[in-house]
Protein backbone atom coordinates (compact mmCIF):
# COMPACT_ATOMS: atom_id res chain seq x y z
CA MET A 1 -69.69 -78.41 5.61
CA SER A 2 -69.36 -79.32 1.91
CA GLU A 3 -67.59 -82.47 0.82
CA SER A 4 -64.85 -80.42 -0.83
CA LEU A 5 -64.08 -78.62 2.47
CA ARG A 6 -64.01 -81.95 4.30
CA ALA A 7 -61.56 -83.26 1.74
CA ILE A 8 -59.31 -80.26 2.21
CA GLY A 9 -59.50 -80.69 6.01
CA ARG A 10 -58.48 -84.33 5.74
CA ALA A 11 -55.72 -83.66 3.21
CA LEU A 12 -54.16 -80.63 4.89
CA PRO A 13 -52.37 -82.43 7.77
CA LEU A 14 -50.96 -85.00 5.36
CA ALA A 15 -49.75 -82.24 3.06
CA LEU A 16 -48.05 -80.54 5.95
CA VAL A 17 -46.37 -83.77 7.02
CA LEU A 18 -45.17 -84.43 3.49
CA ALA A 19 -43.90 -80.88 3.20
CA LEU A 20 -41.96 -81.20 6.44
CA LEU A 21 -40.53 -84.53 5.35
CA CYS A 22 -39.47 -83.04 2.04
CA LEU A 23 -37.91 -80.10 3.85
CA GLY A 24 -35.98 -82.51 6.07
CA CYS A 25 -34.84 -84.51 3.04
CA SER A 26 -33.79 -81.32 1.28
CA SER A 27 -31.82 -80.19 4.33
CA SER A 28 -30.11 -83.57 4.72
CA GLN A 29 -29.26 -83.66 1.03
CA ARG A 30 -27.71 -80.22 1.28
CA VAL A 31 -25.58 -81.29 4.27
CA GLU A 32 -24.42 -84.44 2.45
CA ARG A 33 -23.59 -82.41 -0.65
CA LEU A 34 -21.50 -80.00 1.44
CA ILE A 35 -19.74 -82.89 3.21
CA ASN A 36 -18.78 -84.36 -0.18
CA GLN A 37 -17.52 -80.92 -1.18
CA LEU A 38 -15.04 -81.07 1.73
CA GLY A 39 -13.01 -83.51 -0.37
CA GLU A 40 -12.59 -81.29 -3.42
CA THR A 41 -9.10 -80.41 -4.56
CA GLN A 42 -9.75 -76.66 -4.76
CA TRP A 43 -9.19 -75.07 -1.34
CA SER A 44 -11.75 -72.30 -1.85
CA ARG A 45 -14.48 -74.89 -2.55
CA ARG A 46 -13.59 -76.85 0.59
CA GLU A 47 -13.56 -73.65 2.65
CA GLN A 48 -16.94 -72.60 1.27
CA ALA A 49 -18.42 -75.96 2.26
CA ARG A 50 -16.89 -75.85 5.73
CA LYS A 51 -18.27 -72.36 6.42
CA GLN A 52 -21.77 -73.36 5.29
CA LEU A 53 -21.72 -76.47 7.48
CA VAL A 54 -20.67 -74.38 10.47
CA GLN A 55 -23.57 -72.01 9.73
CA ILE A 56 -25.98 -74.95 9.63
CA GLY A 57 -24.59 -75.94 13.03
CA PRO A 58 -26.12 -78.68 15.25
CA PRO A 59 -28.35 -80.24 12.53
CA ALA A 60 -25.18 -81.07 10.58
CA VAL A 61 -23.44 -82.78 13.52
CA PRO A 62 -24.84 -86.35 13.11
CA HIS A 63 -24.00 -86.27 9.40
CA LEU A 64 -20.46 -85.08 10.08
CA ILE A 65 -19.90 -87.71 12.75
CA ARG A 66 -21.00 -90.44 10.34
CA ALA A 67 -18.78 -89.00 7.62
CA MET A 68 -15.75 -88.91 9.94
CA LYS A 69 -16.28 -92.57 10.92
CA ASP A 70 -16.97 -93.80 7.38
CA GLY A 71 -13.84 -95.60 6.20
CA LYS A 72 -15.21 -95.76 2.64
CA ARG A 73 -15.14 -92.00 2.25
CA PRO A 74 -12.04 -90.17 0.99
CA VAL A 75 -9.64 -89.44 3.82
CA TRP A 76 -9.71 -85.67 3.24
CA VAL A 77 -13.48 -85.63 3.67
CA ARG A 78 -13.18 -87.47 6.97
CA ALA A 79 -10.39 -85.21 8.27
CA GLU A 80 -12.26 -82.05 7.28
CA ALA A 81 -15.45 -83.42 8.82
CA ALA A 82 -13.57 -83.77 12.11
CA ARG A 83 -12.28 -80.21 11.94
CA THR A 84 -15.73 -78.89 11.09
CA LEU A 85 -17.17 -80.65 14.13
CA GLY A 86 -14.67 -78.79 16.26
CA GLU A 87 -15.71 -75.45 14.79
CA ILE A 88 -19.41 -76.14 15.38
CA GLY A 89 -18.54 -76.88 19.02
CA ASP A 90 -21.35 -79.35 19.74
CA ARG A 91 -20.54 -81.60 22.73
CA ARG A 92 -22.16 -84.59 21.01
CA ALA A 93 -19.03 -84.78 18.90
CA LEU A 94 -16.60 -85.09 21.83
CA SER A 95 -16.60 -88.88 22.30
CA PRO A 96 -16.47 -89.69 18.55
CA LEU A 97 -13.64 -87.17 18.11
CA ILE A 98 -11.64 -88.62 21.02
CA ALA A 99 -12.08 -92.11 19.60
CA ALA A 100 -10.93 -90.92 16.18
CA ALA A 101 -7.91 -89.08 17.61
CA LEU A 102 -6.70 -92.24 19.37
CA ARG A 103 -7.79 -95.17 17.25
CA GLU A 104 -8.38 -94.04 13.66
CA GLY A 105 -6.04 -95.79 11.24
CA ASP A 106 -5.22 -92.79 9.03
CA TRP A 107 -3.12 -89.97 10.49
CA HIS A 108 -5.05 -87.29 8.61
CA VAL A 109 -8.22 -88.18 10.50
CA ARG A 110 -6.40 -88.58 13.82
CA ALA A 111 -4.79 -85.16 13.39
CA GLY A 112 -8.04 -83.49 12.39
CA ALA A 113 -9.85 -85.04 15.33
CA ALA A 114 -7.15 -84.00 17.82
CA TYR A 115 -7.35 -80.41 16.56
CA ALA A 116 -11.15 -80.45 16.82
CA VAL A 117 -11.04 -81.76 20.40
CA GLY A 118 -8.95 -78.70 21.30
CA GLN A 119 -11.62 -76.43 19.89
CA LEU A 120 -14.21 -78.04 22.19
CA LYS A 121 -12.03 -77.12 25.22
CA ASP A 122 -13.38 -79.99 27.34
CA ARG A 123 -11.26 -81.31 30.20
CA HIS A 124 -12.63 -84.82 29.70
CA ALA A 125 -10.30 -84.91 26.70
CA LEU A 126 -7.15 -84.38 28.81
CA ALA A 127 -5.99 -88.00 29.14
CA PRO A 128 -6.69 -88.90 25.49
CA LEU A 129 -4.82 -85.82 24.28
CA ILE A 130 -1.84 -86.61 26.49
CA ALA A 131 -1.86 -90.09 24.94
CA ALA A 132 -2.00 -88.51 21.47
CA LEU A 133 1.24 -86.64 22.27
CA ARG A 134 2.92 -90.06 21.88
CA ASP A 135 1.39 -90.76 18.45
CA ALA A 136 3.75 -92.07 15.78
CA ASP A 137 2.84 -89.22 13.41
CA TRP A 138 4.06 -85.69 14.08
CA HIS A 139 0.92 -84.09 12.67
CA VAL A 140 -1.12 -85.79 15.39
CA ARG A 141 1.39 -84.93 18.13
CA ARG A 142 1.44 -81.29 16.98
CA ASN A 143 -2.35 -81.00 17.05
CA ALA A 144 -2.54 -82.75 20.41
CA ALA A 145 -0.11 -80.17 21.82
CA TYR A 146 -2.25 -77.35 20.41
CA ALA A 147 -5.39 -78.93 21.87
CA LEU A 148 -3.85 -79.24 25.35
CA GLY A 149 -3.15 -75.54 25.29
CA GLN A 150 -6.83 -74.92 24.53
CA VAL A 151 -8.11 -77.27 27.24
CA LYS A 152 -5.99 -75.33 29.79
CA ASP A 153 -5.58 -78.04 32.44
CA ARG A 154 -2.32 -77.83 34.36
CA HIS A 155 -2.03 -81.61 34.50
CA ALA A 156 -0.87 -81.21 30.88
CA VAL A 157 2.27 -79.27 31.89
CA PRO A 158 4.65 -82.24 32.50
CA PRO A 159 3.81 -84.05 29.23
CA LEU A 160 4.08 -80.77 27.30
CA ILE A 161 7.49 -80.11 28.86
CA ALA A 162 8.51 -83.60 27.76
CA ALA A 163 7.31 -82.73 24.24
CA LEU A 164 9.94 -79.95 24.10
CA ARG A 165 12.40 -82.79 23.38
CA ASP A 166 10.34 -84.03 20.44
CA GLY A 167 12.36 -84.61 17.30
CA ASP A 168 9.92 -82.61 15.18
CA LEU A 169 10.12 -78.83 15.06
CA HIS A 170 6.36 -78.37 14.67
CA VAL A 171 5.61 -80.40 17.79
CA ARG A 172 8.14 -78.44 19.86
CA VAL A 173 6.71 -75.09 18.70
CA LEU A 174 3.09 -76.07 19.47
CA ALA A 175 4.10 -77.53 22.85
CA ILE A 176 5.81 -74.24 23.72
CA SER A 177 2.73 -72.28 22.65
CA ALA A 178 0.54 -74.50 24.82
CA LEU A 179 2.81 -73.95 27.84
CA GLY A 180 2.48 -70.21 27.28
CA GLU A 181 -1.31 -70.57 27.29
CA LEU A 182 -1.18 -72.53 30.54
CA LYS A 183 1.01 -69.89 32.28
CA ASP A 184 2.50 -72.41 34.71
CA ARG A 185 5.81 -71.43 36.33
CA ARG A 186 7.06 -75.02 36.15
CA ALA A 187 7.60 -74.36 32.45
CA VAL A 188 9.96 -71.38 32.94
CA ALA A 189 13.26 -73.27 33.16
CA PRO A 190 12.50 -75.55 30.16
CA LEU A 191 11.37 -72.55 28.12
CA VAL A 192 14.53 -70.60 29.02
CA ALA A 193 16.48 -73.60 27.76
CA ALA A 194 14.44 -73.49 24.53
CA LEU A 195 15.73 -69.92 23.92
CA GLY A 196 18.96 -71.66 22.89
CA ASP A 197 17.29 -73.95 20.34
CA GLY A 198 18.87 -74.09 16.92
CA ASP A 199 15.66 -73.02 15.16
CA TRP A 200 14.42 -69.43 15.33
CA HIS A 201 10.78 -70.55 15.36
CA VAL A 202 11.42 -72.33 18.66
CA ARG A 203 13.42 -69.43 20.12
CA GLY A 204 10.78 -66.85 19.18
CA THR A 205 7.86 -68.94 20.41
CA ALA A 206 9.68 -69.64 23.70
CA ALA A 207 10.28 -65.91 24.20
CA HIS A 208 6.59 -65.19 23.61
CA ALA A 209 5.55 -67.93 26.05
CA LEU A 210 7.87 -66.57 28.74
CA GLY A 211 6.25 -63.16 28.33
CA GLN A 212 2.83 -64.78 28.76
CA ILE A 213 3.89 -66.57 31.95
CA GLY A 214 5.35 -63.35 33.36
CA ASP A 215 8.08 -64.80 35.60
CA ARG A 216 10.99 -62.40 36.08
CA GLN A 217 13.49 -65.26 36.06
CA ALA A 218 13.21 -64.97 32.30
CA VAL A 219 14.41 -61.33 32.11
CA GLU A 220 18.17 -61.90 31.79
CA PRO A 221 17.87 -64.79 29.30
CA LEU A 222 15.49 -62.68 27.20
CA ILE A 223 17.88 -59.71 27.27
CA THR A 224 20.64 -62.05 26.12
CA LEU A 225 18.45 -63.29 23.27
CA LEU A 226 17.48 -59.73 22.30
CA ALA A 227 21.14 -58.73 22.11
CA SER A 228 22.29 -61.74 20.10
CA GLU A 229 19.31 -62.82 17.98
CA ARG A 230 19.75 -62.30 14.25
CA ASN A 231 16.27 -63.34 13.18
CA ALA A 232 13.88 -60.36 13.19
CA VAL A 233 10.80 -62.33 14.26
CA ALA A 234 12.50 -64.05 17.19
CA ARG A 235 14.10 -60.76 18.24
CA SER A 236 10.70 -59.05 18.14
CA SER A 237 9.25 -61.79 20.34
CA ALA A 238 12.03 -61.28 22.89
CA ALA A 239 11.51 -57.51 22.92
CA ILE A 240 7.76 -57.77 23.35
CA ALA A 241 8.18 -60.33 26.13
CA LEU A 242 10.54 -57.95 27.94
CA GLY A 243 7.94 -55.22 27.54
CA GLU A 244 5.30 -57.46 29.09
CA LEU A 245 7.68 -58.12 31.98
CA LYS A 246 8.37 -54.35 32.31
CA ALA A 247 12.06 -55.21 32.41
CA ARG A 248 13.70 -51.83 32.97
CA ARG A 249 17.16 -53.35 32.48
CA ALA A 250 16.22 -53.93 28.84
CA VAL A 251 15.49 -50.24 28.11
CA PRO A 252 19.05 -49.22 27.05
CA LEU A 253 19.17 -52.13 24.61
CA LEU A 254 15.75 -51.25 23.19
CA ILE A 255 16.87 -47.64 22.75
CA GLN A 256 19.84 -48.92 20.77
CA LEU A 257 17.42 -50.84 18.55
CA LEU A 258 15.41 -47.64 17.95
CA ARG A 259 18.57 -46.23 16.37
CA SER A 260 19.44 -49.36 14.40
CA LYS A 261 20.04 -49.25 10.66
CA GLU A 262 17.75 -52.27 10.35
CA VAL A 263 14.13 -51.25 9.93
CA GLU A 264 12.71 -54.38 11.59
CA ALA A 265 14.79 -53.68 14.70
CA ARG A 266 13.44 -50.12 14.88
CA ARG A 267 9.88 -51.36 14.43
CA THR A 268 10.33 -53.92 17.19
CA ALA A 269 11.63 -51.34 19.67
CA ALA A 270 8.95 -48.76 18.84
CA ILE A 271 6.17 -51.35 19.28
CA THR A 272 7.66 -52.56 22.56
CA PHE A 273 7.61 -49.09 24.12
CA PHE A 274 3.87 -48.78 23.37
CA GLY A 275 2.11 -49.25 26.70
CA TRP A 276 5.40 -49.30 28.58
CA PRO A 277 6.07 -45.72 29.69
CA ASP A 278 9.76 -45.23 30.48
CA GLY A 279 11.05 -41.67 30.44
CA ARG A 280 14.48 -42.74 29.18
CA ALA A 281 12.90 -43.50 25.82
CA PHE A 282 11.41 -40.01 25.36
CA GLY A 283 14.18 -38.49 23.22
CA PRO A 284 14.64 -41.51 20.96
CA LEU A 285 10.89 -41.82 20.46
CA VAL A 286 10.64 -38.16 19.42
CA GLY A 287 13.48 -38.90 17.02
CA VAL A 288 11.63 -41.74 15.31
CA LEU A 289 8.80 -39.36 14.33
CA ARG A 290 11.13 -38.49 11.44
CA ASP A 291 12.02 -42.11 10.63
CA PRO A 292 11.79 -43.01 6.92
CA ASP A 293 9.63 -46.02 7.75
CA GLU A 294 5.89 -45.33 8.21
CA GLU A 295 5.37 -48.15 10.73
CA VAL A 296 8.23 -46.92 12.93
CA ARG A 297 6.76 -43.39 12.94
CA LEU A 298 3.29 -44.75 13.72
CA TRP A 299 4.44 -46.75 16.74
CA GLY A 300 6.70 -43.92 17.85
CA ALA A 301 3.70 -41.58 18.04
CA ALA A 302 1.63 -44.24 19.81
CA SER A 303 4.40 -44.84 22.34
CA LEU A 304 4.70 -41.11 23.04
CA MET A 305 0.99 -41.18 23.84
CA THR A 306 1.67 -43.61 26.71
CA LEU A 307 4.41 -41.35 28.09
CA ARG A 308 2.04 -38.32 28.27
CA ASP A 309 5.01 -35.97 28.35
CA ARG A 310 4.10 -32.37 27.38
CA ARG A 311 7.52 -31.93 25.81
CA ALA A 312 6.22 -34.11 22.99
CA VAL A 313 3.43 -31.69 22.02
CA GLU A 314 5.38 -29.67 19.43
CA PRO A 315 6.93 -32.71 17.68
CA LEU A 316 3.54 -34.44 17.65
CA MET A 317 1.84 -31.36 16.23
CA ARG A 318 4.42 -31.26 13.48
CA ALA A 319 3.74 -34.93 12.72
CA ALA A 320 -0.03 -34.34 12.75
CA ARG A 321 0.40 -31.45 10.32
CA GLU A 322 3.15 -32.66 7.99
CA ASP A 323 3.46 -36.45 7.92
CA LYS A 324 2.71 -38.05 4.56
CA SER A 325 0.85 -40.93 6.18
CA GLU A 326 -2.75 -40.45 7.28
CA GLN A 327 -2.28 -43.22 9.85
CA VAL A 328 0.71 -41.49 11.40
CA ARG A 329 -1.16 -38.16 11.50
CA ALA A 330 -4.08 -39.91 13.23
CA ALA A 331 -1.74 -41.52 15.77
CA ALA A 332 -0.12 -38.15 16.48
CA MET A 333 -3.54 -36.55 17.05
CA ALA A 334 -4.54 -39.37 19.41
CA ALA A 335 -1.31 -38.81 21.33
CA LEU A 336 -1.99 -35.07 21.58
CA ALA A 337 -5.47 -35.76 22.95
CA GLU A 338 -4.09 -38.19 25.51
CA ILE A 339 -1.48 -35.69 26.68
CA GLY A 340 -4.30 -33.16 27.06
CA ASP A 341 -2.44 -30.00 26.06
CA ARG A 342 -4.76 -27.37 24.57
CA ARG A 343 -2.02 -26.00 22.35
CA ALA A 344 -3.16 -28.69 19.92
CA VAL A 345 -6.75 -27.39 19.65
CA PRO A 346 -6.26 -24.84 16.82
CA LEU A 347 -4.41 -27.42 14.73
CA LEU A 348 -7.15 -30.02 15.26
CA ILE A 349 -9.89 -27.48 14.46
CA ALA A 350 -8.07 -26.59 11.24
CA VAL A 351 -7.93 -30.28 10.21
CA VAL A 352 -11.69 -30.63 10.77
CA SER A 353 -12.66 -27.27 9.25
CA ASN A 354 -10.54 -27.74 6.13
CA ARG A 355 -11.65 -31.36 5.67
CA GLN A 356 -8.08 -32.60 5.68
CA PRO A 357 -7.16 -36.31 5.86
CA ALA A 358 -7.55 -37.88 9.33
CA MET A 359 -10.60 -35.68 10.05
CA ALA A 360 -12.22 -38.44 12.09
CA ALA A 361 -9.16 -38.74 14.33
CA ALA A 362 -9.08 -34.97 14.78
CA ALA A 363 -12.77 -34.91 15.75
CA GLU A 364 -12.22 -37.65 18.31
CA ALA A 365 -9.20 -35.80 19.72
CA LEU A 366 -11.23 -32.60 20.06
CA GLY A 367 -13.86 -34.49 22.02
CA LYS A 368 -11.22 -35.68 24.46
CA LEU A 369 -9.87 -32.13 24.86
CA LYS A 370 -13.42 -30.77 25.49
CA ASP A 371 -12.69 -27.29 24.13
CA LYS A 372 -15.77 -25.25 23.09
CA ARG A 373 -13.76 -23.48 20.39
CA ALA A 374 -14.18 -26.69 18.38
CA VAL A 375 -17.99 -26.59 18.29
CA PRO A 376 -18.50 -24.82 14.91
CA ALA A 377 -16.02 -27.12 13.16
CA LEU A 378 -17.59 -30.21 14.73
CA LEU A 379 -21.11 -29.12 13.71
CA GLY A 380 -19.83 -28.84 10.16
CA ALA A 381 -18.18 -32.27 10.40
CA CYS A 382 -21.57 -33.80 11.27
CA ARG A 383 -22.41 -33.27 7.58
CA ASP A 384 -19.21 -34.86 6.27
CA GLY A 385 -19.45 -37.60 3.65
CA PHE A 386 -17.38 -40.08 5.69
CA TRP A 387 -19.40 -41.92 8.32
CA ARG A 388 -16.57 -42.19 10.85
CA THR A 389 -16.10 -38.42 10.76
CA ARG A 390 -19.83 -37.84 11.35
CA GLY A 391 -19.85 -40.33 14.21
CA TRP A 392 -16.80 -38.97 16.02
CA ALA A 393 -17.96 -35.38 15.53
CA ALA A 394 -21.28 -36.29 17.19
CA TRP A 395 -19.45 -38.01 20.04
CA ALA A 396 -17.16 -34.99 20.51
CA LEU A 397 -20.10 -32.61 20.74
CA GLY A 398 -21.50 -34.80 23.49
CA GLU A 399 -18.20 -34.77 25.36
CA ILE A 400 -18.06 -30.98 25.13
CA GLY A 401 -21.70 -30.79 26.30
CA GLU A 402 -22.87 -28.40 23.61
CA VAL A 403 -26.63 -27.83 23.99
CA GLY A 404 -26.62 -25.95 20.69
CA ALA A 405 -25.78 -29.23 18.93
CA VAL A 406 -28.96 -31.04 20.01
CA GLU A 407 -30.96 -30.42 16.83
CA THR A 408 -28.02 -31.50 14.66
CA LEU A 409 -27.61 -34.64 16.75
CA ILE A 410 -31.31 -35.47 16.50
CA GLY A 411 -30.95 -35.20 12.75
CA LEU A 412 -28.08 -37.72 12.85
CA LEU A 413 -30.39 -40.29 14.43
CA GLY A 414 -31.72 -40.76 10.89
CA ASP A 415 -28.24 -41.46 9.51
CA ARG A 416 -27.87 -44.58 7.37
CA GLU A 417 -24.85 -45.75 9.41
CA ALA A 418 -25.44 -47.46 12.76
CA PHE A 419 -22.12 -46.11 14.11
CA VAL A 420 -23.29 -42.53 13.58
CA ARG A 421 -26.71 -43.16 15.10
CA THR A 422 -25.17 -44.79 18.19
CA LYS A 423 -22.72 -41.93 18.74
CA ALA A 424 -25.43 -39.31 18.24
CA ALA A 425 -27.78 -41.02 20.73
CA GLY A 426 -24.99 -41.26 23.30
CA ALA A 427 -24.12 -37.59 22.81
CA LEU A 428 -27.74 -36.52 23.25
CA THR A 429 -27.99 -38.44 26.52
CA LYS A 430 -24.75 -36.92 27.74
CA ILE A 431 -25.87 -33.37 26.92
CA THR A 432 -29.46 -33.58 28.14
CA GLY A 433 -29.51 -36.28 30.80
CA ARG A 434 -32.45 -37.90 28.94
CA SER A 435 -32.44 -41.33 27.35
CA PHE A 436 -34.62 -42.11 24.35
CA GLY A 437 -32.09 -44.38 22.63
CA GLU A 438 -32.04 -43.92 18.88
CA GLY A 439 -35.70 -42.95 18.74
CA GLN A 440 -35.55 -39.88 16.54
CA ARG A 441 -39.28 -39.10 16.90
CA GLN A 442 -39.16 -39.29 20.73
CA TRP A 443 -36.11 -37.05 20.86
CA ARG A 444 -37.68 -34.51 18.50
CA GLU A 445 -40.96 -34.42 20.40
CA TRP A 446 -39.22 -33.95 23.72
CA TRP A 447 -36.97 -31.23 22.32
CA GLU A 448 -39.85 -29.31 20.78
CA GLN A 449 -42.11 -29.62 23.82
CA ARG A 450 -39.65 -29.13 26.69
CA GLY A 451 -36.00 -29.51 25.84
CA LYS A 452 -35.58 -26.42 23.70
CA GLN A 453 -37.04 -24.18 26.44
CA GLU A 454 -34.91 -25.84 29.10
CA GLY A 455 -31.86 -25.39 26.91
CA GLU A 456 -32.58 -21.68 26.45
CA ARG A 457 -32.88 -21.32 30.24
CA GLY A 458 -29.71 -23.37 30.76
CA ALA A 459 -31.81 -25.95 32.61
CA VAL A 460 -30.89 -28.96 30.48
CA THR A 461 -28.84 -31.28 32.67
CA ARG A 462 -25.67 -32.90 31.54
């Protein structure tokens, strides 16, 4: 071996070590630069730094812990370092975060640490978080309440109930939210009492929490709130909670709201009936298909879908054909497909054939109706410029089981959009009983060698 080669052999390991050390230094410098950026006044710059640190993940954790503990750093950097540790979710940060939440001198850091502990969702933090509910600063108490809801330990219920008497609105609202997350029936009576709070944020959050807990003791108080509440958000929370409780006694009141002059009231009622099929609402829901508000019409169509009443077919077809909103037309088509009445097929074929707005929704609806009359239109839609239309048309052909679509579907396996390729592969498997994934070459070879002949003989399995 020449002397020059020996020199290279001796130098190479050292070069590699130096390169790795430099890489480590570069990485550490980047992390420190991003941590410093957490203290900038411009929110977008802070957010950019936080996201990059979360992407870096575990290697950034020791740096962030040191930054959070460093009393010489600006307080905003330390608080944001704590929050970022929570988002990374590394358990190494738990003990330092608990210590910061309880003993740090500045409330910004204590609050940030309490919030981050909640994101870690570790029950070892239960006692420290309960202690933080008694902090002198409301920001810390609020974040401790949030964190207890994330930890989801029922030992937190009594202290959270006590926090409903907190003098700060924010603490009461977050304590109520946490009780809703815990779903413990011991909280029902205190939450019913909170429905009478002087602040609508508290009333609305309490209504939502009662819906989460699902105890029917809350039905009458929620009906009372729905009837008397003047704030639209709190009223909506009460209505949705009653829907979650399937409180049939609330239906007449919700029907009244569907006919209200106030648009928010009509929206609330229409949303509430979605997923809550009650035949008494059929007529009023058909009526809201002509409501001047787009959102009311949209939720009216969606709610009719859950009723699956064939009397709705004609009104829904009219909405699918005439409504000015593409979203409402799509919702009406989805409802028609769910009802399963084939009277809708010619309308849906016309939407696809004429390339009208909401083509993708029409193609999906035709797949659910499984009517072979739709095949020519769906084959044409496989060439549409919009990827969702191509994808749903492919899916629909698979649902119908059209062997004549196989070559078109194989072609779609080369589509630039993953959604289209996935739907085409699924359709091919459904039609043929074979499974080659998205392998276009394998599908084509099989079709040319065996599948085409089996298809002509009607031997391709579905």
